[in-house]
Amino acid sequence: MRLPEHEVPRQKTSTEAPSADAVEFRAPRVPDGIRLWEIARDSAVLDLNSSYAYVLWCRDFARTSIVAVVDGRVHGFVTGYRRQDRPDTLMVWQVATDESQRGKGVAGRMLSGLLDRLAPEGVTRLETTISPDNTASQALFTGVARRRGVGIRREDLFPADAFPDSHEPEDLYIIGDPADAP
């Protein structure tokens, strides 16, 4: 039986990049921890945690984290948790995509998808820390706030001398606080 032309599955060539629509977003699973660690390591910008930490994160914080999957392989992640003292706040720990997904809006879509998933549970705010020279992350989170139509503000949080090693200061970015409404 021959399928009508519009129903014939199109074969993807090996040189074609998947479209943005081909990205699946879901909660991480324990086996994904290996890929999260690899993506963080290969980013050369994130503070690399132990492989154990990423595996544990996929188990204990799966509800407040998200991965981007293309063709069955994890290509990006957001790890986060709800603050115990502010359950309306998602604290984003790390955001990363591998080389193949950079510049395609995947990181912003992961953040928005995660916020949408947690909104019915009362999450209305997002916090993250960003070092002063990380302009890519500053642009990412500013863009998320703009697209969602909410305010964003920056506060000093951890000075460089709060860390035992040669770590840059970390500024706190708060998105979605009603006091910061545009």
N, C-alpha and C. Protein backbone atom coordinates (compact mmCIF):
# COMPACT_ATOMS: atom_id res chain seq x y z
N MET A 1 0.85 -1.18 0.00
CA MET A 1 0.00 0.00 0.00
C MET A 1 0.89 1.24 0.00
N ARG A 2 0.61 2.15 -0.88
CA ARG A 2 1.40 3.37 -1.00
C ARG A 2 0.71 4.49 -0.22
N LEU A 3 1.48 5.18 0.63
CA LEU A 3 0.94 6.31 1.39
C LEU A 3 0.82 7.53 0.50
N PRO A 4 -0.21 8.34 0.71
CA PRO A 4 -0.27 9.62 -0.01
C PRO A 4 1.00 10.42 0.28
N GLU A 5 1.41 11.24 -0.66
CA GLU A 5 2.67 11.99 -0.56
C GLU A 5 2.81 12.73 0.77
N HIS A 6 1.71 13.34 1.25
CA HIS A 6 1.80 14.12 2.49
C HIS A 6 1.95 13.23 3.73
N GLU A 7 1.76 11.91 3.60
CA GLU A 7 1.89 11.01 4.75
C GLU A 7 3.18 10.19 4.72
N VAL A 8 3.97 10.34 3.68
CA VAL A 8 5.21 9.58 3.59
C VAL A 8 6.21 10.18 4.57
N PRO A 9 6.72 9.36 5.50
CA PRO A 9 7.69 9.89 6.45
C PRO A 9 8.94 10.37 5.72
N ARG A 10 9.43 11.52 6.09
CA ARG A 10 10.61 12.10 5.48
C ARG A 10 11.84 11.58 6.21
N GLN A 11 12.79 11.10 5.48
CA GLN A 11 14.04 10.64 6.07
C GLN A 11 14.94 11.85 6.30
N LYS A 12 15.57 11.89 7.44
CA LYS A 12 16.48 12.97 7.77
C LYS A 12 17.89 12.56 7.35
N THR A 13 18.58 13.43 6.65
CA THR A 13 19.96 13.12 6.29
C THR A 13 20.85 13.39 7.49
N SER A 14 22.02 12.81 7.48
CA SER A 14 22.91 12.94 8.64
C SER A 14 23.43 14.36 8.80
N THR A 15 23.34 15.20 7.77
CA THR A 15 23.86 16.56 7.88
C THR A 15 22.79 17.55 8.32
N GLU A 16 21.54 17.12 8.36
CA GLU A 16 20.47 18.03 8.77
C GLU A 16 20.43 18.17 10.28
N ALA A 17 20.35 19.41 10.73
CA ALA A 17 20.17 19.65 12.17
C ALA A 17 18.70 19.52 12.49
N PRO A 18 18.36 18.98 13.66
CA PRO A 18 16.95 18.89 14.03
C PRO A 18 16.35 20.28 14.17
N SER A 19 15.10 20.42 13.81
CA SER A 19 14.43 21.71 13.96
C SER A 19 14.19 21.97 15.44
N ALA A 20 13.92 23.24 15.75
CA ALA A 20 13.65 23.60 17.14
C ALA A 20 12.45 22.83 17.67
N ASP A 21 11.51 22.50 16.77
CA ASP A 21 10.32 21.77 17.20
C ASP A 21 10.64 20.32 17.55
N ALA A 22 11.79 19.80 17.12
CA ALA A 22 12.14 18.41 17.38
C ALA A 22 12.69 18.21 18.78
N VAL A 23 12.83 19.27 19.54
CA VAL A 23 13.36 19.17 20.89
C VAL A 23 12.23 18.78 21.84
N GLU A 24 12.47 17.74 22.62
CA GLU A 24 11.51 17.30 23.64
C GLU A 24 12.01 17.82 24.99
N PHE A 25 11.12 18.33 25.81
CA PHE A 25 11.46 18.80 27.14
C PHE A 25 10.77 17.89 28.15
N ARG A 26 11.54 17.43 29.14
CA ARG A 26 10.98 16.54 30.16
C ARG A 26 11.82 16.64 31.42
N ALA A 27 11.30 16.04 32.49
CA ALA A 27 12.06 15.97 33.74
C ALA A 27 13.24 15.01 33.54
N PRO A 28 14.38 15.30 34.18
CA PRO A 28 15.51 14.39 34.06
C PRO A 28 15.26 13.07 34.78
N ARG A 29 15.96 12.04 34.32
CA ARG A 29 15.92 10.71 34.94
C ARG A 29 17.34 10.38 35.40
N VAL A 30 17.45 9.46 36.34
CA VAL A 30 18.76 9.11 36.90
C VAL A 30 19.81 8.84 35.82
N PRO A 31 19.52 8.04 34.79
CA PRO A 31 20.55 7.80 33.77
C PRO A 31 21.01 9.07 33.03
N ASP A 32 20.21 10.15 33.07
CA ASP A 32 20.59 11.40 32.42
C ASP A 32 21.73 12.11 33.15
N GLY A 33 21.98 11.74 34.39
CA GLY A 33 23.01 12.42 35.17
C GLY A 33 24.37 12.42 34.50
N ILE A 34 24.68 11.35 33.80
CA ILE A 34 25.97 11.27 33.08
C ILE A 34 26.05 12.39 32.04
N ARG A 35 24.98 12.57 31.26
CA ARG A 35 24.98 13.61 30.22
C ARG A 35 25.01 15.00 30.83
N LEU A 36 24.30 15.20 31.94
CA LEU A 36 24.35 16.51 32.57
C LEU A 36 25.78 16.85 32.96
N TRP A 37 26.47 15.87 33.55
CA TRP A 37 27.86 16.09 33.95
C TRP A 37 28.72 16.38 32.72
N GLU A 38 28.54 15.62 31.64
CA GLU A 38 29.33 15.84 30.42
C GLU A 38 29.08 17.22 29.82
N ILE A 39 27.81 17.62 29.76
CA ILE A 39 27.48 18.94 29.20
C ILE A 39 28.07 20.05 30.07
N ALA A 40 27.97 19.91 31.39
CA ALA A 40 28.55 20.92 32.29
C ALA A 40 30.06 20.98 32.11
N ARG A 41 30.70 19.82 32.05
CA ARG A 41 32.16 19.76 31.86
C ARG A 41 32.56 20.42 30.55
N ASP A 42 31.86 20.08 29.48
CA ASP A 42 32.22 20.58 28.16
C ASP A 42 31.88 22.05 27.96
N SER A 43 31.03 22.60 28.82
CA SER A 43 30.66 24.01 28.69
C SER A 43 31.85 24.92 28.94
N ALA A 44 32.77 24.48 29.76
CA ALA A 44 33.97 25.25 30.13
C ALA A 44 33.63 26.57 30.83
N VAL A 45 32.38 26.75 31.23
CA VAL A 45 32.00 27.96 31.97
C VAL A 45 31.37 27.64 33.31
N LEU A 46 30.63 26.56 33.38
CA LEU A 46 29.95 26.21 34.62
C LEU A 46 30.93 25.68 35.65
N ASP A 47 30.61 25.90 36.92
CA ASP A 47 31.34 25.22 37.99
C ASP A 47 30.94 23.75 37.89
N LEU A 48 31.91 22.89 37.67
CA LEU A 48 31.63 21.46 37.50
C LEU A 48 31.48 20.80 38.86
N ASN A 49 30.32 20.20 39.08
CA ASN A 49 30.07 19.42 40.28
C ASN A 49 30.54 17.99 40.04
N SER A 50 30.53 17.17 41.08
CA SER A 50 30.90 15.77 40.91
C SER A 50 29.85 15.06 40.06
N SER A 51 30.24 13.97 39.41
CA SER A 51 29.27 13.20 38.62
C SER A 51 28.15 12.70 39.53
N TYR A 52 28.51 12.35 40.76
CA TYR A 52 27.51 11.91 41.73
C TYR A 52 26.44 12.98 41.95
N ALA A 53 26.85 14.24 42.04
CA ALA A 53 25.90 15.33 42.28
C ALA A 53 24.87 15.41 41.16
N TYR A 54 25.31 15.24 39.91
CA TYR A 54 24.36 15.32 38.79
C TYR A 54 23.40 14.14 38.78
N VAL A 55 23.90 12.95 39.10
CA VAL A 55 23.03 11.77 39.18
C VAL A 55 22.01 11.96 40.30
N LEU A 56 22.48 12.42 41.46
CA LEU A 56 21.59 12.66 42.59
C LEU A 56 20.57 13.74 42.25
N TRP A 57 21.01 14.78 41.55
CA TRP A 57 20.10 15.86 41.17
C TRP A 57 18.96 15.30 40.32
N CYS A 58 19.29 14.37 39.41
CA CYS A 58 18.26 13.78 38.54
C CYS A 58 17.26 12.94 39.32
N ARG A 59 17.67 12.46 40.47
CA ARG A 59 16.74 11.69 41.31
C ARG A 59 15.96 12.61 42.25
N ASP A 60 16.66 13.46 42.99
CA ASP A 60 16.04 14.21 44.07
C ASP A 60 15.41 15.54 43.66
N PHE A 61 15.83 16.10 42.54
CA PHE A 61 15.30 17.40 42.10
C PHE A 61 14.76 17.34 40.68
N ALA A 62 14.31 16.17 40.26
CA ALA A 62 13.76 16.01 38.90
C ALA A 62 12.54 16.89 38.69
N ARG A 63 11.73 17.05 39.70
CA ARG A 63 10.50 17.83 39.56
C ARG A 63 10.80 19.30 39.27
N THR A 64 11.92 19.79 39.76
CA THR A 64 12.26 21.21 39.59
C THR A 64 13.41 21.40 38.60
N SER A 65 13.63 20.42 37.77
CA SER A 65 14.66 20.49 36.74
C SER A 65 14.07 20.04 35.42
N ILE A 66 14.80 20.25 34.33
CA ILE A 66 14.29 19.91 33.00
C ILE A 66 15.47 19.59 32.09
N VAL A 67 15.25 18.71 31.14
CA VAL A 67 16.26 18.41 30.13
C VAL A 67 15.66 18.62 28.74
N ALA A 68 16.53 18.92 27.79
CA ALA A 68 16.16 19.04 26.37
C ALA A 68 16.72 17.81 25.67
N VAL A 69 15.84 17.08 24.98
CA VAL A 69 16.22 15.83 24.34
C VAL A 69 15.98 15.94 22.84
N VAL A 70 16.99 15.57 22.06
CA VAL A 70 16.88 15.51 20.60
C VAL A 70 17.30 14.12 20.17
N ASP A 71 16.44 13.45 19.43
CA ASP A 71 16.74 12.10 18.94
C ASP A 71 17.15 11.16 20.07
N GLY A 72 16.48 11.28 21.22
CA GLY A 72 16.72 10.38 22.33
C GLY A 72 17.94 10.69 23.18
N ARG A 73 18.65 11.78 22.89
CA ARG A 73 19.87 12.14 23.63
C ARG A 73 19.68 13.50 24.29
N VAL A 74 20.10 13.61 25.55
CA VAL A 74 20.02 14.88 26.28
C VAL A 74 21.06 15.85 25.71
N HIS A 75 20.58 17.05 25.34
CA HIS A 75 21.45 18.08 24.77
C HIS A 75 21.45 19.36 25.60
N GLY A 76 20.68 19.40 26.68
CA GLY A 76 20.66 20.58 27.52
C GLY A 76 19.93 20.28 28.81
N PHE A 77 20.17 21.13 29.82
CA PHE A 77 19.51 20.93 31.11
C PHE A 77 19.40 22.23 31.88
N VAL A 78 18.43 22.25 32.77
CA VAL A 78 18.30 23.28 33.81
C VAL A 78 18.13 22.51 35.10
N THR A 79 18.97 22.80 36.09
CA THR A 79 18.78 22.22 37.42
C THR A 79 18.31 23.33 38.35
N GLY A 80 17.36 22.98 39.19
CA GLY A 80 16.82 23.97 40.12
C GLY A 80 16.16 23.30 41.30
N TYR A 81 15.79 24.12 42.27
CA TYR A 81 15.08 23.62 43.45
C TYR A 81 14.19 24.74 43.97
N ARG A 82 13.17 24.36 44.73
CA ARG A 82 12.32 25.35 45.38
C ARG A 82 12.95 25.72 46.71
N ARG A 83 13.03 27.01 46.96
CA ARG A 83 13.61 27.47 48.23
C ARG A 83 12.69 27.08 49.37
N GLN A 84 13.26 26.52 50.44
CA GLN A 84 12.44 26.11 51.59
C GLN A 84 11.78 27.30 52.27
N ASP A 85 12.48 28.42 52.31
CA ASP A 85 11.92 29.60 52.98
C ASP A 85 11.03 30.44 52.05
N ARG A 86 11.02 30.11 50.76
CA ARG A 86 10.19 30.81 49.77
C ARG A 86 9.69 29.79 48.76
N PRO A 87 8.69 28.99 49.09
CA PRO A 87 8.24 27.94 48.18
C PRO A 87 7.67 28.46 46.86
N ASP A 88 7.43 29.78 46.77
CA ASP A 88 6.98 30.35 45.50
C ASP A 88 8.15 30.63 44.56
N THR A 89 9.38 30.31 45.00
CA THR A 89 10.58 30.66 44.26
C THR A 89 11.34 29.43 43.79
N LEU A 90 11.61 29.39 42.49
CA LEU A 90 12.48 28.39 41.90
C LEU A 90 13.88 28.98 41.84
N MET A 91 14.83 28.35 42.51
CA MET A 91 16.23 28.75 42.43
C MET A 91 16.88 27.92 41.34
N VAL A 92 17.33 28.57 40.28
CA VAL A 92 17.98 27.86 39.18
C VAL A 92 19.47 27.75 39.49
N TRP A 93 19.94 26.51 39.56
CA TRP A 93 21.32 26.22 39.91
C TRP A 93 22.23 26.31 38.68
N GLN A 94 21.90 25.56 37.64
CA GLN A 94 22.72 25.58 36.42
C GLN A 94 21.83 25.47 35.19
N VAL A 95 22.28 26.11 34.11
CA VAL A 95 21.65 26.01 32.79
C VAL A 95 22.76 25.76 31.79
N ALA A 96 22.57 24.76 30.94
CA ALA A 96 23.59 24.51 29.91
C ALA A 96 22.97 23.76 28.74
N THR A 97 23.52 24.04 27.56
CA THR A 97 23.20 23.24 26.38
C THR A 97 24.53 22.83 25.76
N ASP A 98 24.51 21.71 25.05
CA ASP A 98 25.74 21.33 24.37
C ASP A 98 25.89 22.18 23.11
N GLU A 99 27.04 22.04 22.48
CA GLU A 99 27.38 22.86 21.31
C GLU A 99 26.30 22.84 20.24
N SER A 100 25.67 21.70 20.02
CA SER A 100 24.69 21.56 18.93
C SER A 100 23.42 22.37 19.15
N GLN A 101 23.13 22.77 20.38
CA GLN A 101 21.88 23.48 20.67
C GLN A 101 22.09 24.93 21.08
N ARG A 102 23.33 25.39 21.11
CA ARG A 102 23.58 26.79 21.51
C ARG A 102 23.09 27.75 20.44
N GLY A 103 22.53 28.85 20.89
CA GLY A 103 22.06 29.88 19.97
C GLY A 103 20.73 29.58 19.31
N LYS A 104 20.04 28.56 19.75
CA LYS A 104 18.76 28.16 19.15
C LYS A 104 17.56 28.45 20.05
N GLY A 105 17.80 29.10 21.18
CA GLY A 105 16.70 29.42 22.08
C GLY A 105 16.28 28.27 22.99
N VAL A 106 17.05 27.19 22.99
CA VAL A 106 16.68 26.01 23.78
C VAL A 106 16.74 26.32 25.28
N ALA A 107 17.77 27.04 25.72
CA ALA A 107 17.89 27.35 27.15
C ALA A 107 16.69 28.16 27.63
N GLY A 108 16.29 29.16 26.87
CA GLY A 108 15.13 29.97 27.24
C GLY A 108 13.85 29.15 27.25
N ARG A 109 13.72 28.24 26.29
CA ARG A 109 12.53 27.39 26.24
C ARG A 109 12.51 26.42 27.43
N MET A 110 13.68 25.93 27.84
CA MET A 110 13.72 25.06 29.02
C MET A 110 13.26 25.83 30.25
N LEU A 111 13.78 27.05 30.44
CA LEU A 111 13.40 27.85 31.60
C LEU A 111 11.91 28.15 31.60
N SER A 112 11.38 28.56 30.46
CA SER A 112 9.94 28.85 30.39
C SER A 112 9.10 27.60 30.62
N GLY A 113 9.53 26.49 30.05
CA GLY A 113 8.80 25.24 30.25
C GLY A 113 8.78 24.81 31.70
N LEU A 114 9.91 24.99 32.37
CA LEU A 114 10.00 24.63 33.77
C LEU A 114 9.10 25.54 34.62
N LEU A 115 9.13 26.83 34.35
CA LEU A 115 8.25 27.76 35.08
C LEU A 115 6.78 27.44 34.83
N ASP A 116 6.44 27.11 33.59
CA ASP A 116 5.05 26.75 33.28
C ASP A 116 4.64 25.48 34.02
N ARG A 117 5.55 24.51 34.10
CA ARG A 117 5.24 23.25 34.79
C ARG A 117 5.01 23.48 36.28
N LEU A 118 5.77 24.42 36.88
CA LEU A 118 5.70 24.64 38.33
C LEU A 118 4.65 25.68 38.74
N ALA A 119 4.14 26.46 37.80
CA ALA A 119 3.16 27.50 38.12
C ALA A 119 1.93 26.95 38.85
N PRO A 120 1.36 25.81 38.44
CA PRO A 120 0.19 25.29 39.17
C PRO A 120 0.49 24.92 40.62
N GLU A 121 1.77 24.78 40.94
CA GLU A 121 2.18 24.46 42.31
C GLU A 121 2.50 25.72 43.11
N GLY A 122 2.28 26.89 42.52
CA GLY A 122 2.48 28.14 43.24
C GLY A 122 3.81 28.83 43.00
N VAL A 123 4.62 28.34 42.08
CA VAL A 123 5.90 29.01 41.79
C VAL A 123 5.62 30.20 40.88
N THR A 124 5.98 31.38 41.37
CA THR A 124 5.76 32.62 40.62
C THR A 124 7.05 33.40 40.39
N ARG A 125 8.10 33.02 41.10
CA ARG A 125 9.38 33.74 41.02
C ARG A 125 10.50 32.79 40.65
N LEU A 126 11.53 33.34 40.04
CA LEU A 126 12.74 32.60 39.72
C LEU A 126 13.91 33.39 40.25
N GLU A 127 14.86 32.70 40.85
CA GLU A 127 16.11 33.32 41.25
C GLU A 127 17.25 32.53 40.64
N THR A 128 18.34 33.22 40.37
CA THR A 128 19.56 32.56 39.93
C THR A 128 20.72 33.47 40.30
N THR A 129 21.91 32.91 40.33
CA THR A 129 23.09 33.74 40.53
C THR A 129 23.90 33.72 39.25
N ILE A 130 24.49 34.89 38.95
CA ILE A 130 25.28 35.05 37.74
C ILE A 130 26.49 35.90 38.09
N SER A 131 27.66 35.49 37.61
CA SER A 131 28.85 36.29 37.84
C SER A 131 28.80 37.53 36.94
N PRO A 132 29.42 38.63 37.38
CA PRO A 132 29.30 39.89 36.64
C PRO A 132 29.77 39.83 35.19
N ASP A 133 30.69 38.94 34.86
CA ASP A 133 31.19 38.90 33.48
C ASP A 133 30.45 37.90 32.59
N ASN A 134 29.43 37.21 33.11
CA ASN A 134 28.70 36.22 32.32
C ASN A 134 27.54 36.89 31.60
N THR A 135 27.88 37.60 30.53
CA THR A 135 26.86 38.36 29.80
C THR A 135 25.86 37.44 29.08
N ALA A 136 26.27 36.25 28.70
CA ALA A 136 25.35 35.32 28.04
C ALA A 136 24.21 34.93 28.99
N SER A 137 24.54 34.60 30.24
CA SER A 137 23.50 34.25 31.21
C SER A 137 22.64 35.45 31.56
N GLN A 138 23.26 36.62 31.67
CA GLN A 138 22.48 37.83 31.94
C GLN A 138 21.46 38.05 30.83
N ALA A 139 21.88 37.88 29.58
CA ALA A 139 20.96 38.05 28.44
C ALA A 139 19.88 36.98 28.44
N LEU A 140 20.24 35.74 28.77
CA LEU A 140 19.26 34.65 28.81
C LEU A 140 18.14 34.96 29.80
N PHE A 141 18.50 35.31 31.03
CA PHE A 141 17.48 35.53 32.05
C PHE A 141 16.71 36.83 31.82
N THR A 142 17.37 37.86 31.30
CA THR A 142 16.67 39.09 30.95
C THR A 142 15.64 38.82 29.85
N GLY A 143 16.02 37.98 28.88
CA GLY A 143 15.10 37.61 27.81
C GLY A 143 13.90 36.82 28.31
N VAL A 144 14.14 35.91 29.24
CA VAL A 144 13.03 35.14 29.83
C VAL A 144 12.05 36.09 30.52
N ALA A 145 12.57 37.03 31.30
CA ALA A 145 11.70 37.99 31.99
C ALA A 145 10.91 38.82 30.99
N ARG A 146 11.58 39.29 29.95
CA ARG A 146 10.91 40.11 28.94
C ARG A 146 9.80 39.33 28.24
N ARG A 147 10.10 38.10 27.81
CA ARG A 147 9.09 37.30 27.11
C ARG A 147 7.90 36.95 28.00
N ARG A 148 8.14 36.83 29.29
CA ARG A 148 7.06 36.50 30.22
C ARG A 148 6.34 37.75 30.72
N GLY A 149 6.87 38.93 30.37
CA GLY A 149 6.23 40.18 30.77
C GLY A 149 6.34 40.47 32.25
N VAL A 150 7.45 40.04 32.86
CA VAL A 150 7.65 40.28 34.29
C VAL A 150 8.96 41.03 34.50
N GLY A 151 9.10 41.60 35.68
CA GLY A 151 10.29 42.36 35.99
C GLY A 151 11.47 41.48 36.37
N ILE A 152 12.65 42.09 36.33
CA ILE A 152 13.88 41.42 36.74
C ILE A 152 14.73 42.44 37.49
N ARG A 153 15.38 42.00 38.55
CA ARG A 153 16.30 42.90 39.26
C ARG A 153 17.54 42.12 39.69
N ARG A 154 18.61 42.87 39.89
CA ARG A 154 19.89 42.30 40.30
C ARG A 154 20.25 42.85 41.67
N GLU A 155 20.77 41.96 42.53
CA GLU A 155 21.27 42.37 43.84
C GLU A 155 22.63 41.72 44.06
N ASP A 156 23.49 42.39 44.81
CA ASP A 156 24.73 41.75 45.24
C ASP A 156 24.36 40.58 46.14
N LEU A 157 25.05 39.45 45.99
CA LEU A 157 24.75 38.32 46.87
C LEU A 157 26.02 37.80 47.54
N PHE A 158 26.92 37.21 46.77
CA PHE A 158 28.13 36.64 47.35
C PHE A 158 29.35 37.35 46.78
N PRO A 159 30.10 38.07 47.62
CA PRO A 159 31.34 38.67 47.14
C PRO A 159 32.39 37.58 46.90
N ALA A 160 33.41 37.90 46.15
CA ALA A 160 34.46 36.92 45.82
C ALA A 160 35.07 36.31 47.07
N ASP A 161 35.21 37.10 48.14
CA ASP A 161 35.85 36.56 49.35
C ASP A 161 34.93 35.62 50.14
N ALA A 162 33.71 35.39 49.67
CA ALA A 162 32.83 34.40 50.31
C ALA A 162 33.21 32.98 49.91
N PHE A 163 34.09 32.86 48.92
CA PHE A 163 34.49 31.55 48.40
C PHE A 163 35.93 31.24 48.80
N PRO A 164 36.24 29.97 49.06
CA PRO A 164 37.60 29.62 49.48
C PRO A 164 38.60 29.56 48.32
N ASP A 165 38.10 29.60 47.09
CA ASP A 165 39.00 29.54 45.94
C ASP A 165 38.89 30.84 45.15
N SER A 166 39.46 30.87 43.99
CA SER A 166 39.44 32.11 43.19
C SER A 166 38.15 32.19 42.37
N HIS A 167 37.05 32.34 43.05
CA HIS A 167 35.73 32.41 42.43
C HIS A 167 35.32 33.86 42.28
N GLU A 168 34.65 34.15 41.20
CA GLU A 168 34.12 35.50 41.00
C GLU A 168 32.94 35.74 41.94
N PRO A 169 32.59 37.00 42.16
CA PRO A 169 31.38 37.27 42.94
C PRO A 169 30.16 36.73 42.18
N GLU A 170 29.09 36.49 42.90
CA GLU A 170 27.84 36.02 42.29
C GLU A 170 26.74 37.02 42.65
N ASP A 171 26.10 37.55 41.61
CA ASP A 171 24.97 38.46 41.79
C ASP A 171 23.68 37.65 41.73
N LEU A 172 22.70 38.06 42.52
CA LEU A 172 21.39 37.41 42.53
C LEU A 172 20.48 38.13 41.53
N TYR A 173 19.87 37.36 40.65
CA TYR A 173 18.87 37.88 39.72
C TYR A 173 17.52 37.32 40.14
N ILE A 174 16.54 38.20 40.27
CA ILE A 174 15.20 37.82 40.70
C ILE A 174 14.23 38.18 39.58
N ILE A 175 13.49 37.18 39.13
CA ILE A 175 12.53 37.36 38.04
C ILE A 175 11.13 37.06 38.55
N GLY A 176 10.19 37.95 38.25
CA GLY A 176 8.79 37.68 38.55
C GLY A 176 8.30 38.18 39.89
N ASP A 177 9.12 38.90 40.63
CA ASP A 177 8.66 39.46 41.90
C ASP A 177 7.66 40.57 41.58
N PRO A 178 6.46 40.53 42.18
CA PRO A 178 5.46 41.57 41.89
C PRO A 178 5.98 42.99 42.12
N ALA A 179 6.92 43.15 43.04
CA ALA A 179 7.48 44.48 43.30
C ALA A 179 8.26 45.02 42.11
N ASP A 180 8.66 44.13 41.20
CA ASP A 180 9.47 44.53 40.05
C ASP A 180 8.66 44.56 38.75
N ALA A 181 7.35 44.55 38.85
CA ALA A 181 6.50 44.50 37.64
C ALA A 181 6.89 45.63 36.69
N PRO A 182 6.94 45.30 35.39
CA PRO A 182 7.34 46.33 34.41
C PRO A 182 6.29 47.41 34.26
